[in-house]
Amino acid sequence: MDRRQQKTRQAVFDAFARLLERKSYTNITVQDIIDEANIGRSTFYSHFETKDELLKALCSEIFDHVFAEEVSKEKTHDFSKTGNNIKAEITHILYHLMESSRYIKRILSCESGEMFMRYFKERLTQVFEGELEKHESDIPKEYMLNHMVCDFAETVRWWMNNDSYSPEDISEFFFSTTPFK
């Protein structure tokens, strides 16, 4: 993708995020997005087939950064020197979700929330699969994986509605209920 295409795509993401701050996902139309981004209809459709496709791409953008394998020092946090530590990785994920919370809250508040949660759980599965391999248990790994993914995803959903807690608090709450002590 050339710079012009990247710039247009980012303008659409930014417009969509601004709209999510003012309107529910259900009430946002493609025309609203086009108007907010100040682009033509054909330009929108050259990047996204539907509003749902835009949401999927936005989730991918968020998750590609949140779940990046290379952790670097950032403005709000530095987990770059924690090594292979699941607690630090989860707290890092929570910081990124907190930074995107203004529109994640809106996405989760309507039917788009299920789509967001499905993509989120797919990524979480990858995070927890590797960690479960390190721990012995009589509980079937498939069950534990499902439990951990669903528990953390619902923890995040809860947190988005109870945002007076820090990422460290939420990480501590989550790990107090897991087999990873």
C-alpha atoms as a PDB file:
ATOM      1  CA  MET A   1       0.000   0.000   0.000  1.00  0.00           C
ATOM      2  CA  ASP A   2       1.494   3.346  -1.008  1.00  0.00           C
ATOM      3  CA  ARG A   3       1.575   6.387   1.296  1.00  0.00           C
ATOM      4  CA  ARG A   4      -1.480   7.986  -0.311  1.00  0.00           C
ATOM      5  CA  GLN A   5      -3.530   4.823   0.268  1.00  0.00           C
ATOM      6  CA  GLN A   6      -2.242   4.535   3.832  1.00  0.00           C
ATOM      7  CA  LYS A   7      -3.155   8.169   4.482  1.00  0.00           C
ATOM      8  CA  THR A   8      -6.683   7.661   3.115  1.00  0.00           C
ATOM      9  CA  ARG A   9      -7.147   4.474   5.097  1.00  0.00           C
ATOM     10  CA  GLN A  10      -6.009   6.259   8.275  1.00  0.00           C
ATOM     11  CA  ALA A  11      -8.406   9.135   7.542  1.00  0.00           C
ATOM     12  CA  VAL A  12     -11.265   6.630   7.316  1.00  0.00           C
ATOM     13  CA  PHE A  13     -10.201   4.955  10.591  1.00  0.00           C
ATOM     14  CA  ASP A  14      -9.963   8.341  12.312  1.00  0.00           C
ATOM     15  CA  ALA A  15     -13.353   9.416  10.963  1.00  0.00           C
ATOM     16  CA  PHE A  16     -14.911   6.133  12.076  1.00  0.00           C
ATOM     17  CA  ALA A  17     -13.378   6.505  15.557  1.00  0.00           C
ATOM     18  CA  ARG A  18     -14.712  10.066  15.859  1.00  0.00           C
ATOM     19  CA  LEU A  19     -18.151   8.894  14.795  1.00  0.00           C
ATOM     20  CA  LEU A  20     -18.065   6.062  17.343  1.00  0.00           C
ATOM     21  CA  GLU A  21     -17.522   8.688  20.040  1.00  0.00           C
ATOM     22  CA  ARG A  22     -20.764  10.440  19.011  1.00  0.00           C
ATOM     23  CA  LYS A  23     -23.006   7.685  17.655  1.00  0.00           C
ATOM     24  CA  SER A  24     -23.621   4.003  18.129  1.00  0.00           C
ATOM     25  CA  TYR A  25     -22.230   1.631  15.516  1.00  0.00           C
ATOM     26  CA  THR A  26     -25.766   0.778  14.380  1.00  0.00           C
ATOM     27  CA  ASN A  27     -26.563   4.407  13.612  1.00  0.00           C
ATOM     28  CA  ILE A  28     -23.384   5.125  11.646  1.00  0.00           C
ATOM     29  CA  THR A  29     -23.849   4.930   7.889  1.00  0.00           C
ATOM     30  CA  VAL A  30     -21.246   4.619   5.179  1.00  0.00           C
ATOM     31  CA  GLN A  31     -22.324   8.118   4.100  1.00  0.00           C
ATOM     32  CA  ASP A  32     -21.519   9.403   7.626  1.00  0.00           C
ATOM     33  CA  ILE A  33     -18.039   7.913   7.365  1.00  0.00           C
ATOM     34  CA  ILE A  34     -17.510   9.341   3.877  1.00  0.00           C
ATOM     35  CA  ASP A  35     -18.609  12.786   5.027  1.00  0.00           C
ATOM     36  CA  GLU A  36     -16.506  12.706   8.199  1.00  0.00           C
ATOM     37  CA  ALA A  37     -13.400  11.501   6.334  1.00  0.00           C
ATOM     38  CA  ASN A  38     -14.038  13.950   3.483  1.00  0.00           C
ATOM     39  CA  ILE A  39     -13.563  11.307   0.807  1.00  0.00           C
ATOM     40  CA  GLY A  40     -15.604  10.079  -2.128  1.00  0.00           C
ATOM     41  CA  ARG A  41     -17.860   7.038  -2.074  1.00  0.00           C
ATOM     42  CA  SER A  42     -15.691   5.159  -4.580  1.00  0.00           C
ATOM     43  CA  THR A  43     -12.630   5.857  -2.428  1.00  0.00           C
ATOM     44  CA  PHE A  44     -14.336   4.316   0.600  1.00  0.00           C
ATOM     45  CA  TYR A  45     -15.383   1.254  -1.384  1.00  0.00           C
ATOM     46  CA  SER A  46     -11.913   0.825  -2.846  1.00  0.00           C
ATOM     47  CA  HIS A  47     -10.704   0.230   0.730  1.00  0.00           C
ATOM     48  CA  PHE A  48     -13.708  -1.444   2.403  1.00  0.00           C
ATOM     49  CA  GLU A  49     -16.663  -3.369   1.012  1.00  0.00           C
ATOM     50  CA  THR A  50     -18.927  -2.606   3.986  1.00  0.00           C
ATOM     51  CA  LYS A  51     -19.054  -0.862   7.350  1.00  0.00           C
ATOM     52  CA  ASP A  52     -18.534  -4.308   8.945  1.00  0.00           C
ATOM     53  CA  GLU A  53     -15.389  -4.762   6.850  1.00  0.00           C
ATOM     54  CA  LEU A  54     -14.186  -1.371   8.152  1.00  0.00           C
ATOM     55  CA  LEU A  55     -14.832  -2.513  11.727  1.00  0.00           C
ATOM     56  CA  LYS A  56     -12.904  -5.722  11.084  1.00  0.00           C
ATOM     57  CA  ALA A  57      -9.974  -3.732   9.643  1.00  0.00           C
ATOM     58  CA  LEU A  58     -10.046  -1.330  12.603  1.00  0.00           C
ATOM     59  CA  CYS A  59      -9.987  -4.284  15.023  1.00  0.00           C
ATOM     60  CA  SER A  60      -7.059  -5.755  13.100  1.00  0.00           C
ATOM     61  CA  GLU A  61      -5.196  -2.444  13.333  1.00  0.00           C
ATOM     62  CA  ILE A  62      -5.774  -2.288  17.082  1.00  0.00           C
ATOM     63  CA  PHE A  63      -4.902  -5.940  17.632  1.00  0.00           C
ATOM     64  CA  ASP A  64      -1.847  -5.930  15.361  1.00  0.00           C
ATOM     65  CA  HIS A  65      -0.352  -3.269  17.614  1.00  0.00           C
ATOM     66  CA  VAL A  66      -1.708  -4.635  20.914  1.00  0.00           C
ATOM     67  CA  PHE A  67      -0.517  -8.157  20.210  1.00  0.00           C
ATOM     68  CA  ALA A  68       2.775  -7.242  18.543  1.00  0.00           C
ATOM     69  CA  GLU A  69       5.506  -9.755  19.207  1.00  0.00           C
ATOM     70  CA  GLU A  70       8.142  -7.074  19.638  1.00  0.00           C
ATOM     71  CA  VAL A  71       7.357  -5.039  22.734  1.00  0.00           C
ATOM     72  CA  SER A  72       8.990  -1.639  22.792  1.00  0.00           C
ATOM     73  CA  LYS A  73       9.120   1.222  25.258  1.00  0.00           C
ATOM     74  CA  GLU A  74       6.138   3.503  24.813  1.00  0.00           C
ATOM     75  CA  LYS A  75       4.949   6.802  26.267  1.00  0.00           C
ATOM     76  CA  THR A  76       2.641   5.294  28.881  1.00  0.00           C
ATOM     77  CA  HIS A  77       4.530   2.099  29.698  1.00  0.00           C
ATOM     78  CA  ASP A  78       7.659   0.051  29.139  1.00  0.00           C
ATOM     79  CA  PHE A  79       7.386  -3.728  29.044  1.00  0.00           C
ATOM     80  CA  SER A  80      10.327  -4.139  26.661  1.00  0.00           C
ATOM     81  CA  LYS A  81      12.594  -5.726  29.280  1.00  0.00           C
ATOM     82  CA  THR A  82      10.168  -8.172  30.882  1.00  0.00           C
ATOM     83  CA  GLY A  83      11.102 -11.177  28.775  1.00  0.00           C
ATOM     84  CA  ASN A  84       8.676 -14.039  28.352  1.00  0.00           C
ATOM     85  CA  ASN A  85       6.361 -13.052  31.228  1.00  0.00           C
ATOM     86  CA  ILE A  86       2.626 -13.650  30.737  1.00  0.00           C
ATOM     87  CA  LYS A  87       1.612 -11.175  33.463  1.00  0.00           C
ATOM     88  CA  ALA A  88       3.633  -8.397  31.851  1.00  0.00           C
ATOM     89  CA  GLU A  89       2.261  -9.323  28.429  1.00  0.00           C
ATOM     90  CA  ILE A  90      -1.336  -9.144  29.677  1.00  0.00           C
ATOM     91  CA  THR A  91      -0.704  -5.810  31.422  1.00  0.00           C
ATOM     92  CA  HIS A  92       0.859  -4.504  28.210  1.00  0.00           C
ATOM     93  CA  ILE A  93      -2.249  -5.580  26.272  1.00  0.00           C
ATOM     94  CA  LEU A  94      -4.415  -3.803  28.844  1.00  0.00           C
ATOM     95  CA  TYR A  95      -2.465  -0.546  28.412  1.00  0.00           C
ATOM     96  CA  HIS A  96      -3.129  -0.613  24.678  1.00  0.00           C
ATOM     97  CA  LEU A  97      -6.787  -1.394  25.188  1.00  0.00           C
ATOM     98  CA  MET A  98      -7.021   1.492  27.652  1.00  0.00           C
ATOM     99  CA  GLU A  99      -5.506   3.824  25.040  1.00  0.00           C
ATOM    100  CA  SER A 100      -8.201   2.722  22.562  1.00  0.00           C
ATOM    101  CA  SER A 101     -10.995   2.599  25.129  1.00  0.00           C
ATOM    102  CA  ARG A 102     -12.855   5.652  23.850  1.00  0.00           C
ATOM    103  CA  TYR A 103     -14.032   3.747  20.799  1.00  0.00           C
ATOM    104  CA  ILE A 104     -13.779   0.209  22.154  1.00  0.00           C
ATOM    105  CA  LYS A 105     -16.478   1.191  24.656  1.00  0.00           C
ATOM    106  CA  ARG A 106     -18.724   2.301  21.802  1.00  0.00           C
ATOM    107  CA  ILE A 107     -18.004  -0.823  19.764  1.00  0.00           C
ATOM    108  CA  LEU A 108     -18.822  -3.031  22.751  1.00  0.00           C
ATOM    109  CA  SER A 109     -22.046  -1.160  23.516  1.00  0.00           C
ATOM    110  CA  CYS A 110     -23.980  -2.476  20.496  1.00  0.00           C
ATOM    111  CA  GLU A 111     -24.131  -5.400  18.077  1.00  0.00           C
ATOM    112  CA  SER A 112     -20.624  -4.658  16.830  1.00  0.00           C
ATOM    113  CA  GLY A 113     -19.349  -5.813  20.223  1.00  0.00           C
ATOM    114  CA  GLU A 114     -19.777  -9.461  19.321  1.00  0.00           C
ATOM    115  CA  MET A 115     -17.662  -9.023  16.210  1.00  0.00           C
ATOM    116  CA  PHE A 116     -14.985  -7.216  18.240  1.00  0.00           C
ATOM    117  CA  MET A 117     -15.033  -9.943  20.901  1.00  0.00           C
ATOM    118  CA  ARG A 118     -14.709 -12.709  18.292  1.00  0.00           C
ATOM    119  CA  TYR A 119     -11.570 -11.101  16.814  1.00  0.00           C
ATOM    120  CA  PHE A 120     -10.235 -10.358  20.281  1.00  0.00           C
ATOM    121  CA  LYS A 121     -10.702 -13.976  21.414  1.00  0.00           C
ATOM    122  CA  GLU A 122      -8.910 -15.252  18.315  1.00  0.00           C
ATOM    123  CA  ARG A 123      -5.864 -13.189  19.265  1.00  0.00           C
ATOM    124  CA  LEU A 124      -6.088 -14.112  22.953  1.00  0.00           C
ATOM    125  CA  THR A 125      -6.126 -17.784  22.022  1.00  0.00           C
ATOM    126  CA  GLN A 126      -2.667 -17.364  20.519  1.00  0.00           C
ATOM    127  CA  VAL A 127      -1.396 -15.626  23.676  1.00  0.00           C
ATOM    128  CA  PHE A 128      -2.707 -18.240  26.102  1.00  0.00           C
ATOM    129  CA  GLU A 129      -1.917 -21.355  24.017  1.00  0.00           C
ATOM    130  CA  GLY A 130       1.801 -20.880  24.451  1.00  0.00           C
ATOM    131  CA  GLU A 131       1.500 -20.180  28.150  1.00  0.00           C
ATOM    132  CA  LEU A 132      -0.633 -23.252  28.833  1.00  0.00           C
ATOM    133  CA  GLU A 133       2.056 -25.466  27.308  1.00  0.00           C
ATOM    134  CA  LYS A 134       4.354 -24.435  30.168  1.00  0.00           C
ATOM    135  CA  HIS A 135       1.966 -25.625  32.903  1.00  0.00           C
ATOM    136  CA  GLU A 136       1.005 -29.130  33.920  1.00  0.00           C
ATOM    137  CA  SER A 137      -2.609 -29.745  34.829  1.00  0.00           C
ATOM    138  CA  ASP A 138      -5.144 -32.544  35.063  1.00  0.00           C
ATOM    139  CA  ILE A 139      -7.665 -30.232  33.417  1.00  0.00           C
ATOM    140  CA  PRO A 140      -7.891 -30.657  29.619  1.00  0.00           C
ATOM    141  CA  LYS A 141      -5.848 -27.938  27.901  1.00  0.00           C
ATOM    142  CA  GLU A 142      -8.706 -27.158  25.493  1.00  0.00           C
ATOM    143  CA  TYR A 143     -10.976 -26.423  28.451  1.00  0.00           C
ATOM    144  CA  MET A 144      -8.363 -24.259  30.173  1.00  0.00           C
ATOM    145  CA  LEU A 145      -7.670 -22.362  26.968  1.00  0.00           C
ATOM    146  CA  ASN A 146     -11.362 -21.652  26.434  1.00  0.00           C
ATOM    147  CA  HIS A 147     -11.755 -20.641  30.074  1.00  0.00           C
ATOM    148  CA  MET A 148      -8.773 -18.274  30.075  1.00  0.00           C
ATOM    149  CA  VAL A 149      -9.706 -16.632  26.764  1.00  0.00           C
ATOM    150  CA  CYS A 150     -13.349 -16.133  27.724  1.00  0.00           C
ATOM    151  CA  ASP A 151     -12.479 -14.998  31.250  1.00  0.00           C
ATOM    152  CA  PHE A 152      -9.985 -12.396  30.043  1.00  0.00           C
ATOM    153  CA  ALA A 153     -12.238 -11.157  27.226  1.00  0.00           C
ATOM    154  CA  GLU A 154     -15.129 -10.683  29.645  1.00  0.00           C
ATOM    155  CA  THR A 155     -12.767  -9.058  32.139  1.00  0.00           C
ATOM    156  CA  VAL A 156     -11.913  -6.495  29.472  1.00  0.00           C
ATOM    157  CA  ARG A 157     -15.597  -5.955  28.666  1.00  0.00           C
ATOM    158  CA  TRP A 158     -16.269  -5.384  32.381  1.00  0.00           C
ATOM    159  CA  TRP A 159     -13.277  -3.048  32.678  1.00  0.00           C
ATOM    160  CA  MET A 160     -14.464  -0.889  29.804  1.00  0.00           C
ATOM    161  CA  ASN A 161     -17.566  -0.156  31.928  1.00  0.00           C
ATOM    162  CA  ASN A 162     -15.610   0.190  35.188  1.00  0.00           C
ATOM    163  CA  ASP A 163     -12.593   2.154  34.046  1.00  0.00           C
ATOM    164  CA  SER A 164     -11.539   3.450  37.444  1.00  0.00           C
ATOM    165  CA  TYR A 165      -9.025   0.596  37.626  1.00  0.00           C
ATOM    166  CA  SER A 166      -5.524   0.649  36.197  1.00  0.00           C
ATOM    167  CA  PRO A 167      -4.156  -1.976  33.792  1.00  0.00           C
ATOM    168  CA  GLU A 168      -2.082  -3.310  36.696  1.00  0.00           C
ATOM    169  CA  ASP A 169      -5.227  -3.669  38.846  1.00  0.00           C
ATOM    170  CA  ILE A 170      -7.073  -5.566  36.123  1.00  0.00           C
ATOM    171  CA  SER A 171      -4.073  -7.797  35.486  1.00  0.00           C
ATOM    172  CA  GLU A 172      -3.895  -8.561  39.202  1.00  0.00           C
ATOM    173  CA  PHE A 173      -7.637  -9.339  39.352  1.00  0.00           C
ATOM    174  CA  PHE A 174      -7.355 -11.641  36.345  1.00  0.00           C
ATOM    175  CA  PHE A 175      -4.290 -13.541  37.537  1.00  0.00           C
ATOM    176  CA  SER A 176      -5.753 -14.019  41.002  1.00  0.00           C
ATOM    177  CA  THR A 177      -8.331 -16.308  39.317  1.00  0.00           C
ATOM    178  CA  THR A 178      -5.988 -18.270  37.030  1.00  0.00           C
ATOM    179  CA  PRO A 179      -3.658 -21.238  37.519  1.00  0.00           C
ATOM    180  CA  PHE A 180      -0.666 -18.991  36.626  1.00  0.00           C
ATOM    181  CA  LYS A 181       0.493 -17.846  40.045  1.00  0.00           C
END
